[in-house]
Amino acid sequence: MKIRRTISIDKNDIATLKPILDSNGNNLSLAIRQLIDNYRQEDNLKKITSDQQRKIMLRNEIIENKVASLIPIPLVKWLVKRSQGVPPLGTFRGILEKYPRLLGISSLTFEEYVKAINTHGDIFGYQITQQTEISPDHKSICISFETEDPEHLKGIVISYSCLLAHHPLNLKTKKVMDSPSLIIIDYEQCDSEEEAYSSVMDHFGYNQMMMDEILNNIKFWRRLVYILKADNYQDIIISRDIFLQLFKSHDFSDDLCNLITMIYSMSIENADCHDIIRYISEICETNGLIIKIEDNDNEIKIYHRFNEIDIINTVNDTIIKTLELSGHHYILKKSGKVTLFNRM
């Protein structure tokens, strides 16, 4: 809406306005509108510059106070892409203790964190965008993590979830919906950071034990990988006891039952027949004794790795006896490279 006003302009001001008047066809109204537009642009630029300066100052304070360090983005992307492990509890405690003081507050509350969630991420240089939905009681939050580089999204989200688990936020990971460039997680506040961290491990810590074992004995695993690669991953992996039993041509059903109990935390007497067959198949496949087992209700088909009939018979006897120990009885219908068992 346009409003008409009469204004008085000094003659010297008119002379100052002459270039703008000339560019607007000597139309004073258009010239004044251009001046207003220019002022708005300069004012916005000052605000942006001021925000950037505050951000730079805050980043400098973060580095000086040893809250965080500057790391090249390609290195960060490589680290989060190569490592899918969950950082130990306490990793981000220093950040959550020191960073709020730099903001002039004693503690980073849930409400304060959510209010500037993307600002915090921008200050620390996270290459992600977060969209939030907060419950009416402010006890839970749904965060959508999105990035243009999906290769390192999951690694960042794992670290971010670990950070949110720390006191005073204590955000527990409840539900994870995963896609290549978008991860949506439901968080809920809980009573302790131990409980919150445990939930992060439940959702993202599936590789943690393997990674810890490798790091704790890196020389052994490096040599093992060299051997496996040299043999195109065709090596056989079995326990020492089973290896000795094989050479004695005795079945190793007791050892197999013990392995099932240790690996799957399941007593064979309490397991379903199909589960027992699946456990046997996974262990024997991993050990290189068989290629696979097909379970067709009343018939089991075993594809053996070895051609030697003595080893085939030993493996067959072991599987039949293991099934018997679990209360499931099968008889040998056909022996050979492909063996058939029928249920009795």
Protein backbone atom coordinates (compact mmCIF):
# COMPACT_ATOMS: atom_id res chain seq x y z
CA MET A 1 0.00 0.00 0.00
CA LYS A 2 1.36 3.42 -1.00
CA ILE A 3 0.93 6.47 1.27
CA ARG A 4 1.34 10.03 -0.05
CA ARG A 5 3.47 12.41 2.06
CA THR A 6 4.96 15.86 1.42
CA ILE A 7 8.62 16.12 2.36
CA SER A 8 11.11 18.99 2.41
CA ILE A 9 14.61 18.37 1.03
CA ASP A 10 17.54 20.77 1.26
CA LYS A 11 19.02 21.98 -2.01
CA ASN A 12 22.40 20.42 -1.16
CA ASP A 13 20.66 17.08 -0.48
CA ILE A 14 19.05 17.28 -3.90
CA ALA A 15 22.53 17.70 -5.38
CA THR A 16 23.69 14.62 -3.43
CA LEU A 17 20.70 12.68 -4.74
CA LYS A 18 21.36 13.75 -8.36
CA PRO A 19 23.09 10.46 -9.44
CA ILE A 20 20.21 8.43 -8.03
CA LEU A 21 17.66 10.80 -9.54
CA ASP A 22 19.37 10.54 -12.92
CA SER A 23 19.33 6.72 -12.76
CA ASN A 24 15.58 6.85 -11.99
CA GLY A 25 14.58 9.29 -14.73
CA ASN A 26 14.57 12.28 -12.35
CA ASN A 27 11.67 10.62 -10.46
CA LEU A 28 12.09 11.58 -6.78
CA SER A 29 9.72 8.84 -5.54
CA LEU A 30 11.67 6.10 -7.31
CA ALA A 31 14.96 7.55 -6.07
CA ILE A 32 13.78 7.50 -2.44
CA ARG A 33 12.55 3.91 -2.82
CA GLN A 34 15.97 2.92 -4.12
CA LEU A 35 17.60 4.59 -1.13
CA ILE A 36 15.34 2.64 1.22
CA ASP A 37 16.14 -0.64 -0.54
CA ASN A 38 19.87 0.08 -0.35
CA TYR A 39 19.56 0.85 3.37
CA ARG A 40 17.73 -2.43 4.02
CA GLN A 41 20.39 -4.42 2.17
CA GLU A 42 23.22 -2.72 4.09
CA ASP A 43 21.40 -3.28 7.40
CA ASN A 44 20.92 -7.00 6.62
CA LEU A 45 24.58 -7.28 5.61
CA LYS A 46 25.64 -5.72 8.93
CA LYS A 47 23.49 -8.23 10.82
CA ILE A 48 24.98 -11.15 8.87
CA THR A 49 28.51 -9.85 9.39
CA SER A 50 27.82 -9.37 13.09
CA ASP A 51 26.53 -12.97 13.40
CA GLN A 52 29.57 -14.30 11.55
CA GLN A 53 31.90 -12.32 13.81
CA ARG A 54 30.20 -13.71 16.92
CA LYS A 55 30.48 -17.21 15.49
CA ILE A 56 34.20 -16.75 14.77
CA MET A 57 34.80 -15.37 18.25
CA LEU A 58 32.95 -18.30 19.82
CA ARG A 59 34.93 -20.81 17.73
CA ASN A 60 38.16 -19.16 18.85
CA GLU A 61 37.08 -19.45 22.48
CA ILE A 62 36.16 -23.12 21.94
CA ILE A 63 39.67 -23.83 20.67
CA GLU A 64 41.43 -21.70 23.31
CA ASN A 65 39.48 -23.40 26.12
CA LYS A 66 40.29 -26.85 24.67
CA VAL A 67 36.62 -27.73 24.20
CA ALA A 68 37.28 -28.87 20.64
CA SER A 69 39.87 -28.61 17.86
CA LEU A 70 39.81 -27.70 14.20
CA ILE A 71 40.06 -30.84 12.05
CA PRO A 72 40.01 -30.83 8.22
CA ILE A 73 36.59 -31.87 6.92
CA PRO A 74 38.01 -34.60 4.59
CA LEU A 75 39.72 -36.18 7.62
CA VAL A 76 36.49 -36.05 9.66
CA LYS A 77 34.55 -37.66 6.80
CA TRP A 78 37.17 -40.39 6.51
CA LEU A 79 37.11 -41.06 10.25
CA VAL A 80 33.31 -41.31 10.57
CA LYS A 81 33.06 -43.37 7.40
CA ARG A 82 35.75 -45.86 8.48
CA SER A 83 34.66 -46.10 12.11
CA GLN A 84 31.07 -47.04 12.89
CA GLY A 85 31.82 -47.62 16.57
CA VAL A 86 30.15 -45.84 19.49
CA PRO A 87 32.48 -43.43 21.37
CA PRO A 88 32.92 -44.33 25.06
CA LEU A 89 30.69 -42.70 27.65
CA GLY A 90 32.39 -39.51 28.84
CA THR A 91 33.86 -38.57 25.45
CA PHE A 92 31.61 -35.50 25.14
CA ARG A 93 31.37 -34.63 28.84
CA GLY A 94 34.02 -31.92 28.50
CA ILE A 95 32.09 -30.25 25.69
CA LEU A 96 28.83 -30.24 27.64
CA GLU A 97 30.57 -28.85 30.73
CA LYS A 98 32.71 -26.12 29.11
CA TYR A 99 30.68 -25.07 26.06
CA PRO A 100 27.67 -23.64 28.01
CA ARG A 101 30.03 -21.37 29.99
CA LEU A 102 31.21 -19.83 26.73
CA LEU A 103 27.55 -19.05 25.99
CA GLY A 104 27.18 -17.37 29.37
CA ILE A 105 24.97 -20.05 30.92
CA SER A 106 25.69 -22.46 33.75
CA SER A 107 24.22 -25.58 32.11
CA LEU A 108 22.85 -26.54 28.69
CA THR A 109 19.22 -27.45 29.36
CA PHE A 110 17.11 -29.50 27.00
CA GLU A 111 15.05 -26.44 26.03
CA GLU A 112 18.10 -24.25 25.38
CA TYR A 113 19.76 -26.93 23.30
CA VAL A 114 16.71 -27.50 21.10
CA LYS A 115 16.13 -23.77 20.65
CA ALA A 116 19.46 -23.37 18.82
CA ILE A 117 20.08 -26.95 17.69
CA ASN A 118 21.34 -26.10 14.19
CA THR A 119 23.33 -23.13 15.48
CA HIS A 120 25.29 -25.41 17.79
CA GLY A 121 25.94 -27.82 14.92
CA ASP A 122 27.06 -24.95 12.68
CA ILE A 123 29.45 -23.61 15.33
CA PHE A 124 31.14 -27.00 15.66
CA GLY A 125 31.16 -27.46 11.87
CA TYR A 126 28.82 -30.46 11.60
CA GLN A 127 27.87 -30.90 7.95
CA ILE A 128 24.27 -31.84 8.73
CA THR A 129 20.84 -30.24 8.98
CA GLN A 130 18.47 -31.15 11.81
CA GLN A 131 14.68 -30.83 11.88
CA THR A 132 12.99 -31.30 15.26
CA GLU A 133 9.57 -32.24 16.59
CA ILE A 134 9.19 -31.83 20.36
CA SER A 135 6.53 -33.50 22.49
CA PRO A 136 4.12 -31.19 24.38
CA ASP A 137 5.65 -32.19 27.73
CA HIS A 138 9.20 -31.43 26.45
CA LYS A 139 10.35 -34.89 27.52
CA SER A 140 10.98 -36.36 24.08
CA ILE A 141 12.12 -35.14 20.69
CA CYS A 142 12.24 -36.50 17.14
CA ILE A 143 15.29 -35.33 15.18
CA SER A 144 15.67 -35.75 11.41
CA PHE A 145 19.35 -35.74 10.40
CA GLU A 146 20.01 -34.90 6.76
CA THR A 147 23.17 -34.28 4.77
CA GLU A 148 24.33 -33.87 1.19
CA ASP A 149 27.05 -36.47 1.79
CA PRO A 150 25.34 -39.73 2.85
CA GLU A 151 28.64 -41.62 3.16
CA HIS A 152 29.45 -40.10 6.53
CA LEU A 153 25.90 -39.43 7.82
CA LYS A 154 25.59 -42.57 9.94
CA GLY A 155 28.95 -42.04 11.63
CA ILE A 156 28.01 -38.47 12.55
CA VAL A 157 24.59 -39.54 13.86
CA ILE A 158 26.18 -42.22 16.07
CA SER A 159 28.53 -39.66 17.61
CA TYR A 160 25.72 -37.13 17.91
CA SER A 161 23.49 -39.66 19.70
CA CYS A 162 26.35 -40.40 22.08
CA LEU A 163 26.74 -36.67 22.79
CA LEU A 164 23.01 -36.30 23.50
CA ALA A 165 23.18 -39.22 25.95
CA HIS A 166 25.53 -37.28 28.24
CA HIS A 167 24.43 -35.30 31.29
CA PRO A 168 22.58 -32.91 31.52
CA LEU A 169 20.65 -33.81 28.33
CA ASN A 170 20.33 -37.57 29.10
CA LEU A 171 18.52 -38.27 25.81
CA LYS A 172 17.77 -41.96 25.32
CA THR A 173 17.64 -43.38 21.78
CA LYS A 174 14.20 -44.95 21.38
CA LYS A 175 13.68 -45.60 17.66
CA VAL A 176 15.83 -45.28 14.56
CA MET A 177 14.56 -44.98 10.98
CA ASP A 178 17.48 -45.25 8.58
CA SER A 179 17.94 -44.33 4.92
CA PRO A 180 21.06 -43.37 2.91
CA SER A 181 20.66 -39.56 3.18
CA LEU A 182 18.14 -39.22 6.03
CA ILE A 183 18.09 -40.69 9.53
CA ILE A 184 15.16 -40.04 11.86
CA ILE A 185 15.59 -40.80 15.56
CA ASP A 186 13.16 -40.58 18.46
CA TYR A 187 14.87 -39.51 21.69
CA GLU A 188 13.43 -39.46 25.19
CA GLN A 189 14.84 -37.99 28.38
CA CYS A 190 15.73 -40.52 31.07
CA ASP A 191 17.13 -40.51 34.61
CA SER A 192 20.82 -41.10 33.91
CA GLU A 193 23.43 -40.85 31.19
CA GLU A 194 24.29 -44.53 31.76
CA GLU A 195 20.76 -45.51 30.74
CA ALA A 196 20.86 -43.12 27.77
CA TYR A 197 24.27 -44.40 26.64
CA SER A 198 23.12 -48.01 26.95
CA SER A 199 20.33 -47.25 24.46
CA VAL A 200 22.89 -45.87 21.97
CA MET A 201 24.87 -49.11 22.29
CA ASP A 202 21.69 -51.15 21.78
CA HIS A 203 20.95 -49.39 18.47
CA PHE A 204 24.45 -48.69 17.10
CA GLY A 205 26.91 -50.84 19.04
CA TYR A 206 26.57 -54.04 17.01
CA ASN A 207 30.14 -53.74 15.68
CA GLN A 208 31.65 -52.52 18.95
CA MET A 209 32.79 -55.88 20.35
CA MET A 210 34.43 -56.82 17.06
CA MET A 211 36.19 -53.45 16.77
CA ASP A 212 37.39 -53.56 20.40
CA GLU A 213 38.74 -57.08 19.96
CA ILE A 214 40.64 -56.10 16.80
CA LEU A 215 42.10 -52.96 18.37
CA ASN A 216 43.14 -54.86 21.51
CA ASN A 217 45.08 -57.43 19.46
CA ILE A 218 45.78 -55.71 16.18
CA LYS A 219 48.90 -57.79 15.36
CA PHE A 220 47.00 -61.09 15.55
CA TRP A 221 44.10 -59.85 13.40
CA ARG A 222 46.45 -58.28 10.85
CA ARG A 223 48.27 -61.60 10.42
CA LEU A 224 44.95 -63.45 10.24
CA VAL A 225 43.71 -61.14 7.47
CA TYR A 226 46.96 -61.64 5.52
CA ILE A 227 46.49 -65.42 5.70
CA LEU A 228 42.81 -65.29 4.75
CA LYS A 229 43.43 -62.96 1.80
CA ALA A 230 46.34 -65.09 0.58
CA ASP A 231 44.03 -68.10 0.46
CA ASN A 232 41.09 -66.13 -1.04
CA TYR A 233 39.12 -66.57 2.18
CA GLN A 234 38.91 -70.34 1.65
CA ASP A 235 40.52 -71.19 5.00
CA ILE A 236 38.85 -73.37 7.61
CA ILE A 237 38.31 -71.89 11.07
CA ILE A 238 37.64 -74.40 13.83
CA SER A 239 38.52 -74.69 17.49
CA ARG A 240 41.58 -76.66 18.55
CA ASP A 241 39.43 -79.34 20.25
CA ILE A 242 37.24 -79.84 17.18
CA PHE A 243 40.34 -80.01 14.98
CA LEU A 244 41.77 -82.81 17.13
CA GLN A 245 38.43 -84.63 17.19
CA LEU A 246 38.26 -84.51 13.40
CA PHE A 247 41.67 -86.07 13.09
CA LYS A 248 40.58 -88.83 15.46
CA SER A 249 37.50 -89.39 13.23
CA HIS A 250 35.15 -88.91 16.18
CA ASP A 251 32.11 -86.72 16.13
CA PHE A 252 32.41 -83.35 17.87
CA SER A 253 28.76 -82.94 18.89
CA ASP A 254 29.60 -82.01 22.50
CA ASP A 255 31.88 -79.22 21.29
CA LEU A 256 29.26 -78.05 18.82
CA CYS A 257 26.61 -77.93 21.56
CA ASN A 258 28.98 -75.90 23.74
CA LEU A 259 29.63 -73.47 20.90
CA ILE A 260 25.88 -73.00 20.33
CA THR A 261 25.36 -72.25 24.03
CA MET A 262 28.28 -69.78 24.16
CA ILE A 263 27.55 -67.94 20.90
CA TYR A 264 23.75 -67.82 20.98
CA SER A 265 23.18 -67.96 24.77
CA MET A 266 20.75 -70.78 24.14
CA SER A 267 20.62 -74.26 25.65
CA ILE A 268 20.00 -76.75 22.85
CA GLU A 269 17.36 -78.53 24.95
CA ASN A 270 15.22 -75.37 24.89
CA ALA A 271 15.72 -74.45 21.24
CA ASP A 272 13.35 -74.93 18.33
CA CYS A 273 14.44 -77.49 15.71
CA HIS A 274 14.75 -74.87 12.97
CA ASP A 275 16.82 -72.63 15.26
CA ILE A 276 19.19 -75.50 16.11
CA ILE A 277 19.65 -76.29 12.41
CA ARG A 278 20.32 -72.60 11.71
CA TYR A 279 22.90 -72.44 14.52
CA ILE A 280 24.65 -75.59 13.23
CA SER A 281 24.62 -74.20 9.72
CA GLU A 282 26.10 -70.83 10.71
CA ILE A 283 28.88 -72.36 12.81
CA CYS A 284 29.84 -75.05 10.29
CA GLU A 285 29.70 -72.61 7.36
CA THR A 286 31.93 -70.13 9.21
CA ASN A 287 34.34 -72.90 10.12
CA GLY A 288 34.56 -73.96 6.48
CA LEU A 289 33.24 -77.48 7.06
CA ILE A 290 30.14 -77.10 4.87
CA ILE A 291 28.87 -74.79 2.15
CA LYS A 292 25.30 -74.56 3.45
CA ILE A 293 22.36 -76.42 5.00
CA GLU A 294 18.86 -76.41 3.53
CA ASP A 295 16.09 -77.05 6.06
CA ASN A 296 12.83 -78.25 4.47
CA ASP A 297 10.81 -79.24 7.55
CA ASN A 298 11.14 -83.05 7.46
CA GLU A 299 14.27 -83.10 5.30
CA ILE A 300 17.72 -81.57 5.75
CA LYS A 301 20.13 -81.22 2.85
CA ILE A 302 23.82 -80.61 3.65
CA TYR A 303 26.29 -79.36 1.05
CA HIS A 304 29.76 -80.40 2.22
CA ARG A 305 32.94 -78.45 1.61
CA PHE A 306 35.27 -81.48 1.60
CA ASN A 307 35.36 -84.40 -0.80
CA GLU A 308 36.97 -86.84 1.68
CA ILE A 309 34.35 -89.36 2.79
CA ASP A 310 35.83 -89.71 6.30
CA ILE A 311 35.38 -86.00 7.02
CA ILE A 312 31.90 -86.04 5.45
CA ASN A 313 30.88 -88.96 7.66
CA THR A 314 32.29 -87.25 10.76
CA VAL A 315 30.38 -84.03 10.05
CA ASN A 316 27.18 -86.01 9.31
CA ASP A 317 27.50 -88.01 12.56
CA THR A 318 28.11 -84.80 14.52
CA ILE A 319 25.04 -83.05 13.13
CA ILE A 320 22.76 -86.07 13.71
CA LYS A 321 23.98 -86.49 17.28
CA THR A 322 23.68 -82.75 18.02
CA LEU A 323 20.07 -82.84 16.79
CA GLU A 324 19.43 -85.92 18.95
CA LEU A 325 20.80 -84.14 22.02
CA SER A 326 18.29 -81.35 21.37
CA GLY A 327 15.43 -83.86 21.12
CA HIS A 328 15.12 -83.97 17.32
CA HIS A 329 15.73 -87.29 15.57
CA TYR A 330 16.88 -87.66 11.97
CA ILE A 331 18.24 -90.61 9.96
CA LEU A 332 20.74 -90.61 7.14
CA LYS A 333 19.01 -91.10 3.78
CA LYS A 334 21.90 -90.36 1.47
CA SER A 335 25.59 -89.69 2.19
CA GLY A 336 28.06 -87.89 -0.02
CA LYS A 337 29.08 -84.40 -1.08
CA VAL A 338 25.36 -83.58 -0.79
CA THR A 339 23.87 -85.40 2.21
CA LEU A 340 20.17 -85.93 2.95
CA PHE A 341 18.65 -86.44 6.42
CA ASN A 342 15.00 -87.39 6.99
CA ARG A 343 13.08 -86.80 10.20
CA MET A 344 12.16 -90.01 12.03
